[in-house]
Amino acid sequence: MSELAPHTVLFRSNSVVIRDYQCCRRDRGLTDETLAPFSSVAIPRRGVFVKHVDGESVVADTNHAIFFNCGETYRVSHPYGCGDRVTEFGMMPRVVSDIHRSLDGRESRRFSQTHCSLEAAPYLVARHVFRLAVHDGPADAVALEEIALRLVGRITAGTTGLRDKRSRQRAATSRAHDELADAVMLLMAGRYAEPLTLDLIAADVHSSPFHLCRVFKTRVGRSVHRYLTQLRLRAALERVVQGERCLTRLATEVGFSSHSHLSHAFRREFGTTPSAVRAPLTAGAVRQMSKILTGPAAAVA
């Protein structure tokens, strides 16, 4: 992805590199192979892409954290030809090893999973870390590095994986269910602002609503409605952070029925209001990020 997605280094230390990727690719074909220069966790802020590695395809939208291992080669495609914007947290090999050792005693310098679901708290922290790195990186280096390390540790702790639940399924069935879940995720990632219904989604992916709901919840770990709502809320969050003030217009443009519907869902999801998210980050907000990341790791799963 590096040859197509110019990156900006926002922060660098001996342990952590925080980079901003902006890919403006407009076609849907596969990129050339890219070599990951270090292990990292990528968190999409906008758009959707698919990572192709070792014969596996991984949907990368704002509901996921995507793992890259140092030295792995991968390719990327953009199913909607709309590019993407990603915050990447790069880790030195010894840091990845330290994270695994603290979580499960392993001495591995590689992430074992390709991706995991990302819930509201760590997603919001990642967005705040990006803002902090852009505006105050060198001045708040210690706080920024500490929060980035905690964030990656928290996300990694959530990679217990839904794949373990598939071991008793026949390979063909498991593959078909994976493909169905991926098709639904891709559809919603590109069309979240539309007035989608289960019937419409099911028809588009050639499934029945009942089968779709059952497979999606098993594979993804959340309901179709929950997944769609999170996509809409993260799109709203991005717009709010960038300065959007008209919540009535924003609600309509990201798929909510009204200003009040968006505001209620936003507060329930992120534990704060759009106006509070839009406000400049303070020392108190940074301390709150640390508190969020020291909570139960299960919230990331």
C-alpha atoms as a PDB file:
ATOM      1  CA  MET A   1       0.000   0.000   0.000  1.00  0.00           C
ATOM      2  CA  SER A   2       2.942   2.334   0.575  1.00  0.00           C
ATOM      3  CA  GLU A   3       3.533   3.070  -3.112  1.00  0.00           C
ATOM      4  CA  LEU A   4      -0.081   4.195  -3.512  1.00  0.00           C
ATOM      5  CA  ALA A   5      -0.880   5.658  -0.115  1.00  0.00           C
ATOM      6  CA  PRO A   6       1.524   8.481   0.787  1.00  0.00           C
ATOM      7  CA  HIS A   7       2.149   8.419   4.498  1.00  0.00           C
ATOM      8  CA  THR A   8       3.054  11.091   6.989  1.00  0.00           C
ATOM      9  CA  VAL A   9       5.006  10.234  10.129  1.00  0.00           C
ATOM     10  CA  LEU A  10       3.221  12.022  12.966  1.00  0.00           C
ATOM     11  CA  PHE A  11       5.298  10.677  15.832  1.00  0.00           C
ATOM     12  CA  ARG A  12       8.375   8.491  16.219  1.00  0.00           C
ATOM     13  CA  SER A  13      10.214   7.098  19.226  1.00  0.00           C
ATOM     14  CA  ASN A  14      12.432   4.081  19.822  1.00  0.00           C
ATOM     15  CA  SER A  15       9.307   1.978  20.409  1.00  0.00           C
ATOM     16  CA  VAL A  16       6.433   3.496  18.440  1.00  0.00           C
ATOM     17  CA  VAL A  17       5.798   5.045  15.051  1.00  0.00           C
ATOM     18  CA  ILE A  18       2.449   6.729  14.377  1.00  0.00           C
ATOM     19  CA  ARG A  19       1.699   7.337  10.702  1.00  0.00           C
ATOM     20  CA  ASP A  20      -1.192   8.819   8.767  1.00  0.00           C
ATOM     21  CA  TYR A  21      -2.009   7.050   5.496  1.00  0.00           C
ATOM     22  CA  GLN A  22      -4.078   8.702   2.821  1.00  0.00           C
ATOM     23  CA  CYS A  23      -4.750   6.524  -0.220  1.00  0.00           C
ATOM     24  CA  CYS A  24      -6.464   8.223  -3.153  1.00  0.00           C
ATOM     25  CA  ARG A  25      -6.589   5.131  -5.369  1.00  0.00           C
ATOM     26  CA  ARG A  26      -9.605   5.250  -7.688  1.00  0.00           C
ATOM     27  CA  ASP A  27      -9.573   1.816  -9.296  1.00  0.00           C
ATOM     28  CA  ARG A  28     -10.651  -1.511  -7.839  1.00  0.00           C
ATOM     29  CA  GLY A  29      -7.753  -3.707  -8.939  1.00  0.00           C
ATOM     30  CA  LEU A  30      -5.078  -5.270  -6.767  1.00  0.00           C
ATOM     31  CA  THR A  31      -2.005  -3.232  -5.939  1.00  0.00           C
ATOM     32  CA  ASP A  32       1.496  -4.594  -6.392  1.00  0.00           C
ATOM     33  CA  GLU A  33       2.910  -6.572  -3.487  1.00  0.00           C
ATOM     34  CA  THR A  34       4.040  -4.407  -0.591  1.00  0.00           C
ATOM     35  CA  LEU A  35       6.504  -5.339   2.147  1.00  0.00           C
ATOM     36  CA  ALA A  36       5.525  -4.288   5.674  1.00  0.00           C
ATOM     37  CA  PRO A  37       8.543  -2.424   7.137  1.00  0.00           C
ATOM     38  CA  PHE A  38       7.503  -3.149  10.725  1.00  0.00           C
ATOM     39  CA  SER A  39       4.679  -4.720  12.686  1.00  0.00           C
ATOM     40  CA  SER A  40       1.706  -2.443  13.059  1.00  0.00           C
ATOM     41  CA  VAL A  41      -1.952  -2.034  13.870  1.00  0.00           C
ATOM     42  CA  ALA A  42      -3.902  -0.024  11.284  1.00  0.00           C
ATOM     43  CA  ILE A  43      -7.187   1.660  12.185  1.00  0.00           C
ATOM     44  CA  PRO A  44      -9.214   2.976   9.229  1.00  0.00           C
ATOM     45  CA  ARG A  45     -10.813   6.369   9.750  1.00  0.00           C
ATOM     46  CA  ARG A  46     -12.486   6.604   6.358  1.00  0.00           C
ATOM     47  CA  GLY A  47     -13.182   4.367   3.381  1.00  0.00           C
ATOM     48  CA  VAL A  48     -12.809   0.610   3.051  1.00  0.00           C
ATOM     49  CA  PHE A  49     -10.130  -1.630   1.578  1.00  0.00           C
ATOM     50  CA  VAL A  50      -9.374  -5.339   1.455  1.00  0.00           C
ATOM     51  CA  LYS A  51      -6.000  -6.704   2.546  1.00  0.00           C
ATOM     52  CA  HIS A  52      -4.886  -9.825   0.673  1.00  0.00           C
ATOM     53  CA  VAL A  53      -2.239 -11.888   2.469  1.00  0.00           C
ATOM     54  CA  ASP A  54      -1.340 -15.607   2.439  1.00  0.00           C
ATOM     55  CA  GLY A  55      -4.434 -16.513   0.433  1.00  0.00           C
ATOM     56  CA  GLU A  56      -6.780 -14.724   2.848  1.00  0.00           C
ATOM     57  CA  SER A  57      -8.842 -11.589   2.237  1.00  0.00           C
ATOM     58  CA  VAL A  58      -9.474  -9.237   5.161  1.00  0.00           C
ATOM     59  CA  VAL A  59     -12.134  -6.512   5.044  1.00  0.00           C
ATOM     60  CA  ALA A  60     -10.755  -3.279   6.515  1.00  0.00           C
ATOM     61  CA  ASP A  61     -13.356  -0.701   7.471  1.00  0.00           C
ATOM     62  CA  THR A  62     -13.815   1.596  10.461  1.00  0.00           C
ATOM     63  CA  ASN A  63     -15.140  -1.261  12.608  1.00  0.00           C
ATOM     64  CA  HIS A  64     -11.829  -3.145  12.454  1.00  0.00           C
ATOM     65  CA  ALA A  65      -8.209  -3.003  13.487  1.00  0.00           C
ATOM     66  CA  ILE A  66      -5.918  -4.624  10.901  1.00  0.00           C
ATOM     67  CA  PHE A  67      -2.621  -6.267  11.878  1.00  0.00           C
ATOM     68  CA  PHE A  68       0.547  -6.213   9.778  1.00  0.00           C
ATOM     69  CA  ASN A  69       3.684  -8.202  10.606  1.00  0.00           C
ATOM     70  CA  CYS A  70       7.193  -7.001   9.883  1.00  0.00           C
ATOM     71  CA  GLY A  71       8.441  -8.486   6.632  1.00  0.00           C
ATOM     72  CA  GLU A  72       5.113  -9.849   5.394  1.00  0.00           C
ATOM     73  CA  THR A  73       4.074  -9.141   1.811  1.00  0.00           C
ATOM     74  CA  TYR A  74       0.501  -8.208   1.037  1.00  0.00           C
ATOM     75  CA  ARG A  75      -1.667  -6.616  -1.610  1.00  0.00           C
ATOM     76  CA  VAL A  76      -4.633  -4.269  -1.302  1.00  0.00           C
ATOM     77  CA  SER A  77      -7.810  -3.679  -3.292  1.00  0.00           C
ATOM     78  CA  HIS A  78     -10.508  -1.021  -2.981  1.00  0.00           C
ATOM     79  CA  PRO A  79     -13.927  -2.540  -3.801  1.00  0.00           C
ATOM     80  CA  TYR A  80     -15.557   0.888  -4.177  1.00  0.00           C
ATOM     81  CA  GLY A  81     -12.604   2.647  -5.784  1.00  0.00           C
ATOM     82  CA  CYS A  82     -12.765   5.363  -3.157  1.00  0.00           C
ATOM     83  CA  GLY A  83      -9.425   5.104  -1.349  1.00  0.00           C
ATOM     84  CA  ASP A  84      -9.056   5.180   2.422  1.00  0.00           C
ATOM     85  CA  ARG A  85      -7.580   7.098   5.361  1.00  0.00           C
ATOM     86  CA  VAL A  86      -5.824   5.137   8.098  1.00  0.00           C
ATOM     87  CA  THR A  87      -3.975   5.754  11.354  1.00  0.00           C
ATOM     88  CA  GLU A  88      -1.141   3.245  11.709  1.00  0.00           C
ATOM     89  CA  PHE A  89       0.554   2.369  14.980  1.00  0.00           C
ATOM     90  CA  GLY A  90       3.912   0.771  14.194  1.00  0.00           C
ATOM     91  CA  MET A  91       5.708  -1.258  16.875  1.00  0.00           C
ATOM     92  CA  MET A  92       9.304  -2.394  17.127  1.00  0.00           C
ATOM     93  CA  PRO A  93       9.644  -6.223  17.314  1.00  0.00           C
ATOM     94  CA  ARG A  94      10.643  -6.163  20.978  1.00  0.00           C
ATOM     95  CA  VAL A  95       7.480  -4.207  21.790  1.00  0.00           C
ATOM     96  CA  VAL A  96       5.275  -6.783  20.054  1.00  0.00           C
ATOM     97  CA  SER A  97       7.075  -9.491  22.039  1.00  0.00           C
ATOM     98  CA  ASP A  98       6.527  -7.576  25.289  1.00  0.00           C
ATOM     99  CA  ILE A  99       2.820  -7.228  24.513  1.00  0.00           C
ATOM    100  CA  HIS A 100       2.405 -10.963  23.896  1.00  0.00           C
ATOM    101  CA  ARG A 101       4.425 -11.860  26.986  1.00  0.00           C
ATOM    102  CA  SER A 102       2.236  -9.662  29.187  1.00  0.00           C
ATOM    103  CA  LEU A 103      -0.986 -11.081  27.716  1.00  0.00           C
ATOM    104  CA  ASP A 104      -0.364 -14.812  27.424  1.00  0.00           C
ATOM    105  CA  GLY A 105       3.291 -15.528  28.162  1.00  0.00           C
ATOM    106  CA  ARG A 106       4.245 -16.062  24.494  1.00  0.00           C
ATOM    107  CA  GLU A 107       7.617 -14.941  23.157  1.00  0.00           C
ATOM    108  CA  SER A 108       6.323 -14.021  19.713  1.00  0.00           C
ATOM    109  CA  ARG A 109       7.281 -10.983  17.699  1.00  0.00           C
ATOM    110  CA  ARG A 110       4.389 -11.513  15.290  1.00  0.00           C
ATOM    111  CA  PHE A 111       0.675 -10.883  15.562  1.00  0.00           C
ATOM    112  CA  SER A 112      -1.231 -14.155  15.217  1.00  0.00           C
ATOM    113  CA  GLN A 113      -4.450 -12.610  13.886  1.00  0.00           C
ATOM    114  CA  THR A 114      -4.981 -10.646  10.702  1.00  0.00           C
ATOM    115  CA  HIS A 115      -7.671  -8.387  12.192  1.00  0.00           C
ATOM    116  CA  CYS A 116     -10.132  -7.930  15.038  1.00  0.00           C
ATOM    117  CA  SER A 117     -13.295  -6.020  15.811  1.00  0.00           C
ATOM    118  CA  LEU A 118     -12.770  -2.609  17.368  1.00  0.00           C
ATOM    119  CA  GLU A 119     -15.296  -1.288  19.848  1.00  0.00           C
ATOM    120  CA  ALA A 120     -16.115   2.319  20.614  1.00  0.00           C
ATOM    121  CA  ALA A 121     -13.701   3.116  23.463  1.00  0.00           C
ATOM    122  CA  PRO A 122     -10.410   2.140  21.784  1.00  0.00           C
ATOM    123  CA  TYR A 123     -11.639   3.568  18.465  1.00  0.00           C
ATOM    124  CA  LEU A 124     -12.312   6.948  20.111  1.00  0.00           C
ATOM    125  CA  VAL A 125      -8.934   6.854  21.860  1.00  0.00           C
ATOM    126  CA  ALA A 126      -7.195   6.086  18.549  1.00  0.00           C
ATOM    127  CA  ARG A 127      -8.926   9.093  16.974  1.00  0.00           C
ATOM    128  CA  HIS A 128      -7.836  11.316  19.862  1.00  0.00           C
ATOM    129  CA  VAL A 129      -4.264   9.989  19.635  1.00  0.00           C
ATOM    130  CA  PHE A 130      -4.228  11.007  15.982  1.00  0.00           C
ATOM    131  CA  ARG A 131      -5.340  14.522  16.914  1.00  0.00           C
ATOM    132  CA  LEU A 132      -2.772  14.684  19.688  1.00  0.00           C
ATOM    133  CA  ALA A 133       0.017  13.513  17.366  1.00  0.00           C
ATOM    134  CA  VAL A 134      -0.943  16.057  14.704  1.00  0.00           C
ATOM    135  CA  HIS A 135      -1.133  19.016  17.045  1.00  0.00           C
ATOM    136  CA  ASP A 136       1.050  18.268  20.075  1.00  0.00           C
ATOM    137  CA  GLY A 137       3.200  15.225  19.250  1.00  0.00           C
ATOM    138  CA  PRO A 138       6.697  16.330  20.296  1.00  0.00           C
ATOM    139  CA  ALA A 139       5.454  18.403  23.258  1.00  0.00           C
ATOM    140  CA  ASP A 140       3.463  15.505  24.740  1.00  0.00           C
ATOM    141  CA  ALA A 141       5.845  12.743  23.674  1.00  0.00           C
ATOM    142  CA  VAL A 142       5.725  10.691  26.875  1.00  0.00           C
ATOM    143  CA  ALA A 143       1.940  10.808  27.171  1.00  0.00           C
ATOM    144  CA  LEU A 144       1.497  10.100  23.483  1.00  0.00           C
ATOM    145  CA  GLU A 145       3.859   7.111  23.492  1.00  0.00           C
ATOM    146  CA  GLU A 146       2.321   5.646  26.633  1.00  0.00           C
ATOM    147  CA  ILE A 147      -1.224   5.888  25.303  1.00  0.00           C
ATOM    148  CA  ALA A 148      -0.205   4.414  21.920  1.00  0.00           C
ATOM    149  CA  LEU A 149       1.448   1.433  23.637  1.00  0.00           C
ATOM    150  CA  ARG A 150      -1.561   0.861  25.873  1.00  0.00           C
ATOM    151  CA  LEU A 151      -3.882   1.145  22.903  1.00  0.00           C
ATOM    152  CA  VAL A 152      -2.067  -1.518  20.888  1.00  0.00           C
ATOM    153  CA  GLY A 153      -1.904  -3.752  23.960  1.00  0.00           C
ATOM    154  CA  ARG A 154      -5.624  -3.330  24.527  1.00  0.00           C
ATOM    155  CA  ILE A 155      -6.466  -4.086  20.896  1.00  0.00           C
ATOM    156  CA  THR A 156      -4.171  -7.124  20.827  1.00  0.00           C
ATOM    157  CA  ALA A 157      -5.881  -8.456  23.952  1.00  0.00           C
ATOM    158  CA  GLY A 158      -9.110  -8.552  21.959  1.00  0.00           C
ATOM    159  CA  THR A 159      -7.838 -10.975  19.314  1.00  0.00           C
ATOM    160  CA  THR A 160      -9.185 -14.121  20.970  1.00  0.00           C
ATOM    161  CA  GLY A 161     -10.901 -14.603  17.620  1.00  0.00           C
ATOM    162  CA  LEU A 162     -14.155 -15.950  16.353  1.00  0.00           C
ATOM    163  CA  ARG A 163     -12.291 -18.478  14.251  1.00  0.00           C
ATOM    164  CA  ASP A 164     -11.971 -20.901  17.145  1.00  0.00           C
ATOM    165  CA  LYS A 165     -15.740 -21.402  16.971  1.00  0.00           C
ATOM    166  CA  ARG A 166     -15.452 -22.695  13.397  1.00  0.00           C
ATOM    167  CA  SER A 167     -13.226 -25.685  14.010  1.00  0.00           C
ATOM    168  CA  ARG A 168     -16.101 -28.161  13.957  1.00  0.00           C
ATOM    169  CA  GLN A 169     -17.513 -26.920  10.672  1.00  0.00           C
ATOM    170  CA  ARG A 170     -16.714 -28.452   7.327  1.00  0.00           C
ATOM    171  CA  ALA A 171     -14.159 -26.418   5.414  1.00  0.00           C
ATOM    172  CA  ALA A 172     -16.563 -25.651   2.570  1.00  0.00           C
ATOM    173  CA  THR A 173     -19.270 -24.439   4.957  1.00  0.00           C
ATOM    174  CA  SER A 174     -16.829 -22.330   6.928  1.00  0.00           C
ATOM    175  CA  ARG A 175     -15.487 -20.739   3.742  1.00  0.00           C
ATOM    176  CA  ALA A 176     -19.003 -19.992   2.480  1.00  0.00           C
ATOM    177  CA  HIS A 177     -19.929 -18.354   5.780  1.00  0.00           C
ATOM    178  CA  ASP A 178     -16.751 -16.255   5.735  1.00  0.00           C
ATOM    179  CA  GLU A 179     -17.522 -15.098   2.213  1.00  0.00           C
ATOM    180  CA  LEU A 180     -21.102 -14.204   3.133  1.00  0.00           C
ATOM    181  CA  ALA A 181     -20.015 -12.180   6.167  1.00  0.00           C
ATOM    182  CA  ASP A 182     -17.354 -10.374   4.108  1.00  0.00           C
ATOM    183  CA  ALA A 183     -19.892  -9.553   1.390  1.00  0.00           C
ATOM    184  CA  VAL A 184     -22.264  -8.044   3.956  1.00  0.00           C
ATOM    185  CA  MET A 185     -19.490  -6.006   5.584  1.00  0.00           C
ATOM    186  CA  LEU A 186     -18.342  -4.658   2.226  1.00  0.00           C
ATOM    187  CA  LEU A 187     -21.878  -3.728   1.212  1.00  0.00           C
ATOM    188  CA  MET A 188     -22.509  -1.833   4.446  1.00  0.00           C
ATOM    189  CA  ALA A 189     -19.093  -0.147   4.450  1.00  0.00           C
ATOM    190  CA  GLY A 190     -19.796   1.360   1.036  1.00  0.00           C
ATOM    191  CA  ARG A 191     -23.493   2.074   1.473  1.00  0.00           C
ATOM    192  CA  TYR A 192     -23.982   2.782   5.196  1.00  0.00           C
ATOM    193  CA  ALA A 193     -25.582   6.176   4.481  1.00  0.00           C
ATOM    194  CA  GLU A 194     -28.372   4.601   2.421  1.00  0.00           C
ATOM    195  CA  PRO A 195     -31.739   3.477   3.891  1.00  0.00           C
ATOM    196  CA  LEU A 196     -30.710  -0.180   4.015  1.00  0.00           C
ATOM    197  CA  THR A 197     -33.020  -2.995   5.082  1.00  0.00           C
ATOM    198  CA  LEU A 198     -32.311  -6.649   5.859  1.00  0.00           C
ATOM    199  CA  ASP A 199     -34.300  -7.701   2.803  1.00  0.00           C
ATOM    200  CA  LEU A 200     -32.248  -5.422   0.574  1.00  0.00           C
ATOM    201  CA  ILE A 201     -28.927  -6.594   2.045  1.00  0.00           C
ATOM    202  CA  ALA A 202     -29.913 -10.260   1.861  1.00  0.00           C
ATOM    203  CA  ALA A 203     -31.034  -9.950  -1.754  1.00  0.00           C
ATOM    204  CA  ASP A 204     -27.807  -8.207  -2.714  1.00  0.00           C
ATOM    205  CA  VAL A 205     -25.629 -10.995  -1.244  1.00  0.00           C
ATOM    206  CA  HIS A 206     -27.967 -13.787  -2.457  1.00  0.00           C
ATOM    207  CA  SER A 207     -29.023 -14.981   0.984  1.00  0.00           C
ATOM    208  CA  SER A 208     -32.121 -15.069   3.157  1.00  0.00           C
ATOM    209  CA  PRO A 209     -32.502 -12.535   5.996  1.00  0.00           C
ATOM    210  CA  PHE A 210     -32.597 -15.277   8.646  1.00  0.00           C
ATOM    211  CA  HIS A 211     -29.502 -17.085   7.360  1.00  0.00           C
ATOM    212  CA  LEU A 212     -27.662 -13.797   6.889  1.00  0.00           C
ATOM    213  CA  CYS A 213     -28.367 -12.646  10.477  1.00  0.00           C
ATOM    214  CA  ARG A 214     -27.352 -15.982  11.993  1.00  0.00           C
ATOM    215  CA  VAL A 215     -24.108 -16.323  10.021  1.00  0.00           C
ATOM    216  CA  PHE A 216     -23.123 -12.665  10.427  1.00  0.00           C
ATOM    217  CA  LYS A 217     -23.527 -12.701  14.219  1.00  0.00           C
ATOM    218  CA  THR A 218     -21.516 -15.922  14.486  1.00  0.00           C
ATOM    219  CA  ARG A 219     -18.740 -14.734  12.201  1.00  0.00           C
ATOM    220  CA  VAL A 220     -18.467 -11.067  13.160  1.00  0.00           C
ATOM    221  CA  GLY A 221     -19.566 -11.151  16.791  1.00  0.00           C
ATOM    222  CA  ARG A 222     -22.268  -8.520  16.502  1.00  0.00           C
ATOM    223  CA  SER A 223     -25.601  -8.106  14.773  1.00  0.00           C
ATOM    224  CA  VAL A 224     -26.047  -6.585  11.335  1.00  0.00           C
ATOM    225  CA  HIS A 225     -27.836  -3.600  12.872  1.00  0.00           C
ATOM    226  CA  ARG A 226     -25.081  -3.029  15.438  1.00  0.00           C
ATOM    227  CA  TYR A 227     -22.386  -3.211  12.772  1.00  0.00           C
ATOM    228  CA  LEU A 228     -24.226  -0.768  10.498  1.00  0.00           C
ATOM    229  CA  THR A 229     -24.861   1.666  13.356  1.00  0.00           C
ATOM    230  CA  GLN A 230     -21.178   1.643  14.292  1.00  0.00           C
ATOM    231  CA  LEU A 231     -20.153   2.423  10.718  1.00  0.00           C
ATOM    232  CA  ARG A 232     -22.546   5.379  10.699  1.00  0.00           C
ATOM    233  CA  LEU A 233     -21.370   6.652  14.081  1.00  0.00           C
ATOM    234  CA  ARG A 234     -17.693   6.466  13.136  1.00  0.00           C
ATOM    235  CA  ALA A 235     -18.396   8.367   9.948  1.00  0.00           C
ATOM    236  CA  ALA A 236     -20.201  10.963  12.076  1.00  0.00           C
ATOM    237  CA  LEU A 237     -17.298  11.107  14.535  1.00  0.00           C
ATOM    238  CA  GLU A 238     -14.841  11.791  11.729  1.00  0.00           C
ATOM    239  CA  ARG A 239     -16.993  14.624  10.414  1.00  0.00           C
ATOM    240  CA  VAL A 240     -17.457  16.123  13.893  1.00  0.00           C
ATOM    241  CA  VAL A 241     -13.725  16.070  14.637  1.00  0.00           C
ATOM    242  CA  GLN A 242     -13.132  17.829  11.321  1.00  0.00           C
ATOM    243  CA  GLY A 243     -15.436  20.642  12.432  1.00  0.00           C
ATOM    244  CA  GLU A 244     -18.958  19.734  11.275  1.00  0.00           C
ATOM    245  CA  ARG A 245     -21.454  21.654  13.424  1.00  0.00           C
ATOM    246  CA  CYS A 246     -24.799  21.063  11.735  1.00  0.00           C
ATOM    247  CA  LEU A 247     -25.927  17.800  13.295  1.00  0.00           C
ATOM    248  CA  THR A 248     -29.210  17.828  11.395  1.00  0.00           C
ATOM    249  CA  ARG A 249     -27.381  17.738   8.069  1.00  0.00           C
ATOM    250  CA  LEU A 250     -24.812  15.292   9.402  1.00  0.00           C
ATOM    251  CA  ALA A 251     -27.494  12.894  10.651  1.00  0.00           C
ATOM    252  CA  THR A 252     -29.123  12.754   7.232  1.00  0.00           C
ATOM    253  CA  GLU A 253     -25.833  12.324   5.395  1.00  0.00           C
ATOM    254  CA  VAL A 254     -24.581   9.374   7.468  1.00  0.00           C
ATOM    255  CA  GLY A 255     -27.877   7.486   7.645  1.00  0.00           C
ATOM    256  CA  PHE A 256     -29.695   8.556  10.817  1.00  0.00           C
ATOM    257  CA  SER A 257     -33.318   9.628  10.812  1.00  0.00           C
ATOM    258  CA  SER A 258     -32.872  12.843  12.785  1.00  0.00           C
ATOM    259  CA  HIS A 259     -30.583  15.083  14.831  1.00  0.00           C
ATOM    260  CA  SER A 260     -31.895  13.556  18.071  1.00  0.00           C
ATOM    261  CA  HIS A 261     -31.427   9.997  16.799  1.00  0.00           C
ATOM    262  CA  LEU A 262     -27.774  10.720  15.976  1.00  0.00           C
ATOM    263  CA  SER A 263     -27.103  12.550  19.257  1.00  0.00           C
ATOM    264  CA  HIS A 264     -28.615   9.779  21.366  1.00  0.00           C
ATOM    265  CA  ALA A 265     -26.765   7.020  19.524  1.00  0.00           C
ATOM    266  CA  PHE A 266     -23.496   8.998  19.604  1.00  0.00           C
ATOM    267  CA  ARG A 267     -23.624   9.487  23.372  1.00  0.00           C
ATOM    268  CA  ARG A 268     -24.600   5.879  24.002  1.00  0.00           C
ATOM    269  CA  GLU A 269     -21.736   4.630  21.805  1.00  0.00           C
ATOM    270  CA  PHE A 270     -18.899   6.956  22.777  1.00  0.00           C
ATOM    271  CA  GLY A 271     -19.995   8.100  26.231  1.00  0.00           C
ATOM    272  CA  THR A 272     -19.729  11.739  25.230  1.00  0.00           C
ATOM    273  CA  THR A 273     -21.386  14.349  23.012  1.00  0.00           C
ATOM    274  CA  PRO A 274     -20.413  15.557  19.538  1.00  0.00           C
ATOM    275  CA  SER A 275     -19.595  19.009  20.915  1.00  0.00           C
ATOM    276  CA  ALA A 276     -17.267  17.537  23.558  1.00  0.00           C
ATOM    277  CA  VAL A 277     -15.445  15.474  20.905  1.00  0.00           C
ATOM    278  CA  ARG A 278     -15.059  18.564  18.744  1.00  0.00           C
ATOM    279  CA  ALA A 279     -13.469  20.576  21.568  1.00  0.00           C
ATOM    280  CA  PRO A 280      -9.660  20.906  21.822  1.00  0.00           C
ATOM    281  CA  LEU A 281      -7.948  18.120  23.744  1.00  0.00           C
ATOM    282  CA  THR A 282      -6.935  18.990  27.283  1.00  0.00           C
ATOM    283  CA  ALA A 283      -4.641  17.370  29.836  1.00  0.00           C
ATOM    284  CA  GLY A 284      -7.756  15.975  31.484  1.00  0.00           C
ATOM    285  CA  ALA A 285      -8.849  14.362  28.214  1.00  0.00           C
ATOM    286  CA  VAL A 286      -5.441  12.711  27.861  1.00  0.00           C
ATOM    287  CA  ARG A 287      -5.687  11.321  31.389  1.00  0.00           C
ATOM    288  CA  GLN A 288      -9.146  10.000  30.576  1.00  0.00           C
ATOM    289  CA  MET A 289      -7.734   8.140  27.574  1.00  0.00           C
ATOM    290  CA  SER A 290      -5.365   6.289  29.881  1.00  0.00           C
ATOM    291  CA  LYS A 291      -8.241   5.366  32.189  1.00  0.00           C
ATOM    292  CA  ILE A 292     -10.258   3.978  29.290  1.00  0.00           C
ATOM    293  CA  LEU A 293      -7.383   1.785  28.168  1.00  0.00           C
ATOM    294  CA  THR A 294      -6.776   0.326  31.627  1.00  0.00           C
ATOM    295  CA  GLY A 295     -10.368  -0.934  31.799  1.00  0.00           C
ATOM    296  CA  PRO A 296     -11.467  -4.488  30.954  1.00  0.00           C
ATOM    297  CA  ALA A 297      -9.865  -5.685  27.735  1.00  0.00           C
ATOM    298  CA  ALA A 298     -13.019  -7.608  26.895  1.00  0.00           C
ATOM    299  CA  ALA A 299     -14.550  -4.423  25.534  1.00  0.00           C
ATOM    300  CA  VAL A 300     -12.337  -4.709  22.481  1.00  0.00           C
ATOM    301  CA  ALA A 301     -13.282  -8.253  21.531  1.00  0.00           C
END
